[in-house]
Amino acid sequence: MTFVWCFLLVSMLNYVAGSIANVPFDFLPGAIISVVFSVIVIVMGESFPDETVADH
């Protein structure tokens, strides 16, 4: 699901930013960036500890 959301959001950002800059839409760079971004998000999510914090 992380990849789907990253793909949709990066593609939307790519389209909107390209429209503002008057650049034609290119699908491949957005797909590559979404894969990289989803891997970063998954790695960051797995790096957080699952233990509860002790209440002092």
PDB file of N, CA and C in Angstrom:
ATOM      1  N   MET A   1       0.823  -1.188   0.000  1.00  0.00           N
ATOM      2  CA  MET A   1       0.000   0.000   0.000  1.00  0.00           C
ATOM      3  C   MET A   1       0.871   1.258   0.000  1.00  0.00           C
ATOM      4  N   THR A   2       2.030   1.164   0.637  1.00  0.00           N
ATOM      5  CA  THR A   2       2.942   2.308   0.677  1.00  0.00           C
ATOM      6  C   THR A   2       3.367   2.696  -0.728  1.00  0.00           C
ATOM      7  N   PHE A   3       3.684   1.703  -1.550  1.00  0.00           N
ATOM      8  CA  PHE A   3       4.097   2.004  -2.920  1.00  0.00           C
ATOM      9  C   PHE A   3       2.970   2.644  -3.715  1.00  0.00           C
ATOM     10  N   VAL A   4       1.744   2.169  -3.527  1.00  0.00           N
ATOM     11  CA  VAL A   4       0.599   2.730  -4.268  1.00  0.00           C
ATOM     12  C   VAL A   4       0.429   4.206  -3.940  1.00  0.00           C
ATOM     13  N   TRP A   5       0.455   4.543  -2.640  1.00  0.00           N
ATOM     14  CA  TRP A   5       0.292   5.941  -2.245  1.00  0.00           C
ATOM     15  C   TRP A   5       1.458   6.793  -2.713  1.00  0.00           C
ATOM     16  N   CYS A   6       2.675   6.268  -2.591  1.00  0.00           N
ATOM     17  CA  CYS A   6       3.835   7.018  -3.069  1.00  0.00           C
ATOM     18  C   CYS A   6       3.752   7.236  -4.571  1.00  0.00           C
ATOM     19  N   PHE A   7       3.350   6.220  -5.294  1.00  0.00           N
ATOM     20  CA  PHE A   7       3.225   6.342  -6.744  1.00  0.00           C
ATOM     21  C   PHE A   7       2.184   7.395  -7.124  1.00  0.00           C
ATOM     22  N   LEU A   8       1.031   7.360  -6.489  1.00  0.00           N
ATOM     23  CA  LEU A   8      -0.025   8.324  -6.805  1.00  0.00           C
ATOM     24  C   LEU A   8       0.388   9.755  -6.456  1.00  0.00           C
ATOM     25  N   LEU A   9       0.966   9.940  -5.278  1.00  0.00           N
ATOM     26  CA  LEU A   9       1.331  11.291  -4.853  1.00  0.00           C
ATOM     27  C   LEU A   9       2.488  11.864  -5.667  1.00  0.00           C
ATOM     28  N   VAL A  10       3.491  11.048  -5.971  1.00  0.00           N
ATOM     29  CA  VAL A  10       4.623  11.535  -6.760  1.00  0.00           C
ATOM     30  C   VAL A  10       4.195  11.810  -8.197  1.00  0.00           C
ATOM     31  N   SER A  11       3.324  10.965  -8.753  1.00  0.00           N
ATOM     32  CA  SER A  11       2.830  11.209 -10.111  1.00  0.00           C
ATOM     33  C   SER A  11       2.012  12.494 -10.175  1.00  0.00           C
ATOM     34  N   MET A  12       1.192  12.729  -9.152  1.00  0.00           N
ATOM     35  CA  MET A  12       0.411  13.959  -9.103  1.00  0.00           C
ATOM     36  C   MET A  12       1.332  15.172  -8.989  1.00  0.00           C
ATOM     37  N   LEU A  13       2.342  15.079  -8.125  1.00  0.00           N
ATOM     38  CA  LEU A  13       3.290  16.178  -7.970  1.00  0.00           C
ATOM     39  C   LEU A  13       4.061  16.422  -9.261  1.00  0.00           C
ATOM     40  N   ASN A  14       4.449  15.363  -9.927  1.00  0.00           N
ATOM     41  CA  ASN A  14       5.167  15.465 -11.196  1.00  0.00           C
ATOM     42  C   ASN A  14       4.296  16.158 -12.254  1.00  0.00           C
ATOM     43  N   TYR A  15       3.031  15.798 -12.309  1.00  0.00           N
ATOM     44  CA  TYR A  15       2.120  16.395 -13.288  1.00  0.00           C
ATOM     45  C   TYR A  15       1.877  17.878 -12.989  1.00  0.00           C
ATOM     46  N   VAL A  16       1.607  18.194 -11.740  1.00  0.00           N
ATOM     47  CA  VAL A  16       1.289  19.578 -11.378  1.00  0.00           C
ATOM     48  C   VAL A  16       2.509  20.477 -11.548  1.00  0.00           C
ATOM     49  N   ALA A  17       3.657  20.017 -11.075  1.00  0.00           N
ATOM     50  CA  ALA A  17       4.866  20.834 -11.213  1.00  0.00           C
ATOM     51  C   ALA A  17       5.248  21.006 -12.684  1.00  0.00           C
ATOM     52  N   GLY A  18       5.056  19.966 -13.478  1.00  0.00           N
ATOM     53  CA  GLY A  18       5.330  20.076 -14.911  1.00  0.00           C
ATOM     54  C   GLY A  18       4.373  21.032 -15.599  1.00  0.00           C
ATOM     55  N   SER A  19       3.116  21.028 -15.171  1.00  0.00           N
ATOM     56  CA  SER A  19       2.140  21.950 -15.759  1.00  0.00           C
ATOM     57  C   SER A  19       2.462  23.394 -15.407  1.00  0.00           C
ATOM     58  N   ILE A  20       2.884  23.631 -14.192  1.00  0.00           N
ATOM     59  CA  ILE A  20       3.237  24.991 -13.782  1.00  0.00           C
ATOM     60  C   ILE A  20       4.458  25.482 -14.541  1.00  0.00           C
ATOM     61  N   ALA A  21       5.437  24.584 -14.736  1.00  0.00           N
ATOM     62  CA  ALA A  21       6.677  24.966 -15.424  1.00  0.00           C
ATOM     63  C   ALA A  21       6.557  24.852 -16.941  1.00  0.00           C
ATOM     64  N   ASN A  22       5.365  24.453 -17.428  1.00  0.00           N
ATOM     65  CA  ASN A  22       5.111  24.293 -18.860  1.00  0.00           C
ATOM     66  C   ASN A  22       6.072  23.272 -19.489  1.00  0.00           C
ATOM     67  N   VAL A  23       6.227  22.130 -18.789  1.00  0.00           N
ATOM     68  CA  VAL A  23       7.072  21.028 -19.234  1.00  0.00           C
ATOM     69  C   VAL A  23       6.154  19.844 -19.539  1.00  0.00           C
ATOM     70  N   PRO A  24       6.387  19.134 -20.633  1.00  0.00           N
ATOM     71  CA  PRO A  24       5.513  17.985 -20.932  1.00  0.00           C
ATOM     72  C   PRO A  24       5.644  16.887 -19.870  1.00  0.00           C
ATOM     73  N   PHE A  25       4.536  16.190 -19.615  1.00  0.00           N
ATOM     74  CA  PHE A  25       4.493  15.140 -18.594  1.00  0.00           C
ATOM     75  C   PHE A  25       5.277  13.924 -19.070  1.00  0.00           C
ATOM     76  N   ASP A  26       6.167  13.430 -18.209  1.00  0.00           N
ATOM     77  CA  ASP A  26       6.948  12.231 -18.497  1.00  0.00           C
ATOM     78  C   ASP A  26       6.713  11.246 -17.354  1.00  0.00           C
ATOM     79  N   PHE A  27       6.266  10.043 -17.684  1.00  0.00           N
ATOM     80  CA  PHE A  27       5.851   9.064 -16.688  1.00  0.00           C
ATOM     81  C   PHE A  27       7.026   8.414 -15.961  1.00  0.00           C
ATOM     82  N   LEU A  28       8.086   8.093 -16.658  1.00  0.00           N
ATOM     83  CA  LEU A  28       9.173   7.289 -16.102  1.00  0.00           C
ATOM     84  C   LEU A  28       9.900   7.930 -14.921  1.00  0.00           C
ATOM     85  N   PRO A  29      10.279   9.196 -14.960  1.00  0.00           N
ATOM     86  CA  PRO A  29      10.957   9.769 -13.779  1.00  0.00           C
ATOM     87  C   PRO A  29      10.088   9.741 -12.521  1.00  0.00           C
ATOM     88  N   GLY A  30       8.799   9.970 -12.678  1.00  0.00           N
ATOM     89  CA  GLY A  30       7.903   9.904 -11.520  1.00  0.00           C
ATOM     90  C   GLY A  30       7.808   8.509 -10.942  1.00  0.00           C
ATOM     91  N   ALA A  31       7.808   7.493 -11.809  1.00  0.00           N
ATOM     92  CA  ALA A  31       7.750   6.112 -11.341  1.00  0.00           C
ATOM     93  C   ALA A  31       9.034   5.737 -10.601  1.00  0.00           C
ATOM     94  N   ILE A  32      10.166   6.164 -11.116  1.00  0.00           N
ATOM     95  CA  ILE A  32      11.446   5.852 -10.470  1.00  0.00           C
ATOM     96  C   ILE A  32      11.543   6.545  -9.115  1.00  0.00           C
ATOM     97  N   ILE A  33      11.160   7.797  -9.057  1.00  0.00           N
ATOM     98  CA  ILE A  33      11.208   8.542  -7.790  1.00  0.00           C
ATOM     99  C   ILE A  33      10.245   7.934  -6.779  1.00  0.00           C
ATOM    100  N   SER A  34       9.079   7.473  -7.220  1.00  0.00           N
ATOM    101  CA  SER A  34       8.120   6.875  -6.289  1.00  0.00           C
ATOM    102  C   SER A  34       8.645   5.561  -5.719  1.00  0.00           C
ATOM    103  N   VAL A  35       9.370   4.781  -6.503  1.00  0.00           N
ATOM    104  CA  VAL A  35       9.963   3.546  -5.981  1.00  0.00           C
ATOM    105  C   VAL A  35      11.011   3.884  -4.926  1.00  0.00           C
ATOM    106  N   VAL A  36      11.869   4.847  -5.214  1.00  0.00           N
ATOM    107  CA  VAL A  36      12.903   5.242  -4.255  1.00  0.00           C
ATOM    108  C   VAL A  36      12.273   5.796  -2.984  1.00  0.00           C
ATOM    109  N   PHE A  37      11.264   6.637  -3.132  1.00  0.00           N
ATOM    110  CA  PHE A  37      10.613   7.245  -1.984  1.00  0.00           C
ATOM    111  C   PHE A  37       9.887   6.203  -1.140  1.00  0.00           C
ATOM    112  N   SER A  38       9.245   5.219  -1.772  1.00  0.00           N
ATOM    113  CA  SER A  38       8.549   4.190  -1.003  1.00  0.00           C
ATOM    114  C   SER A  38       9.534   3.307  -0.249  1.00  0.00           C
ATOM    115  N   VAL A  39      10.694   3.019  -0.823  1.00  0.00           N
ATOM    116  CA  VAL A  39      11.711   2.243  -0.105  1.00  0.00           C
ATOM    117  C   VAL A  39      12.204   3.022   1.106  1.00  0.00           C
ATOM    118  N   ILE A  40      12.415   4.319   0.951  1.00  0.00           N
ATOM    119  CA  ILE A  40      12.854   5.151   2.079  1.00  0.00           C
ATOM    120  C   ILE A  40      11.802   5.163   3.183  1.00  0.00           C
ATOM    121  N   VAL A  41      10.531   5.290   2.818  1.00  0.00           N
ATOM    122  CA  VAL A  41       9.458   5.311   3.812  1.00  0.00           C
ATOM    123  C   VAL A  41       9.363   3.978   4.537  1.00  0.00           C
ATOM    124  N   ILE A  42       9.481   2.863   3.817  1.00  0.00           N
ATOM    125  CA  ILE A  42       9.404   1.547   4.445  1.00  0.00           C
ATOM    126  C   ILE A  42      10.583   1.329   5.386  1.00  0.00           C
ATOM    127  N   VAL A  43      11.782   1.713   4.970  1.00  0.00           N
ATOM    128  CA  VAL A  43      12.958   1.553   5.822  1.00  0.00           C
ATOM    129  C   VAL A  43      12.831   2.414   7.074  1.00  0.00           C
ATOM    130  N   MET A  44      12.354   3.634   6.933  1.00  0.00           N
ATOM    131  CA  MET A  44      12.171   4.494   8.104  1.00  0.00           C
ATOM    132  C   MET A  44      11.120   3.925   9.047  1.00  0.00           C
ATOM    133  N   GLY A  45      10.041   3.371   8.493  1.00  0.00           N
ATOM    134  CA  GLY A  45       8.996   2.777   9.336  1.00  0.00           C
ATOM    135  C   GLY A  45       9.474   1.556  10.089  1.00  0.00           C
ATOM    136  N   GLU A  46      10.334   0.770   9.479  1.00  0.00           N
ATOM    137  CA  GLU A  46      10.858  -0.421  10.138  1.00  0.00           C
ATOM    138  C   GLU A  46      11.954  -0.090  11.151  1.00  0.00           C
ATOM    139  N   SER A  47      12.555   1.079  11.057  1.00  0.00           N
ATOM    140  CA  SER A  47      13.643   1.430  11.967  1.00  0.00           C
ATOM    141  C   SER A  47      13.142   1.913  13.325  1.00  0.00           C
ATOM    142  N   PHE A  48      11.881   2.292  13.427  1.00  0.00           N
ATOM    143  CA  PHE A  48      11.339   2.749  14.714  1.00  0.00           C
ATOM    144  C   PHE A  48      11.113   1.551  15.624  1.00  0.00           C
ATOM    145  N   PRO A  49      11.403   1.688  16.909  1.00  0.00           N
ATOM    146  CA  PRO A  49      11.199   0.562  17.833  1.00  0.00           C
ATOM    147  C   PRO A  49       9.706   0.312  18.074  1.00  0.00           C
ATOM    148  N   ASP A  50       9.361  -0.958  18.282  1.00  0.00           N
ATOM    149  CA  ASP A  50       7.973  -1.342  18.529  1.00  0.00           C
ATOM    150  C   ASP A  50       7.635  -1.391  20.013  1.00  0.00           C
ATOM    151  N   GLU A  51       8.634  -1.228  20.859  1.00  0.00           N
ATOM    152  CA  GLU A  51       8.410  -1.312  22.300  1.00  0.00           C
ATOM    153  C   GLU A  51       7.725  -0.050  22.809  1.00  0.00           C
ATOM    154  N   THR A  52       6.964  -0.218  23.873  1.00  0.00           N
ATOM    155  CA  THR A  52       6.342   0.954  24.486  1.00  0.00           C
ATOM    156  C   THR A  52       7.380   1.670  25.351  1.00  0.00           C
ATOM    157  N   VAL A  53       7.206   2.931  25.509  1.00  0.00           N
ATOM    158  CA  VAL A  53       8.133   3.738  26.309  1.00  0.00           C
ATOM    159  C   VAL A  53       7.749   3.590  27.774  1.00  0.00           C
ATOM    160  N   ALA A  54       8.741   3.368  28.618  1.00  0.00           N
ATOM    161  CA  ALA A  54       8.491   3.214  30.049  1.00  0.00           C
ATOM    162  C   ALA A  54       8.025   4.530  30.647  1.00  0.00           C
ATOM    163  N   ASP A  55       7.031   4.466  31.491  1.00  0.00           N
ATOM    164  CA  ASP A  55       6.492   5.668  32.135  1.00  0.00           C
ATOM    165  C   ASP A  55       7.183   5.867  33.484  1.00  0.00           C
ATOM    166  N   HIS A  56       7.891   6.969  33.645  1.00  0.00           N
ATOM    167  CA  HIS A  56       8.638   7.202  34.883  1.00  0.00           C
ATOM    168  C   HIS A  56       7.882   8.120  35.784  1.00  0.00           C
TER     169      HIS A  56
END
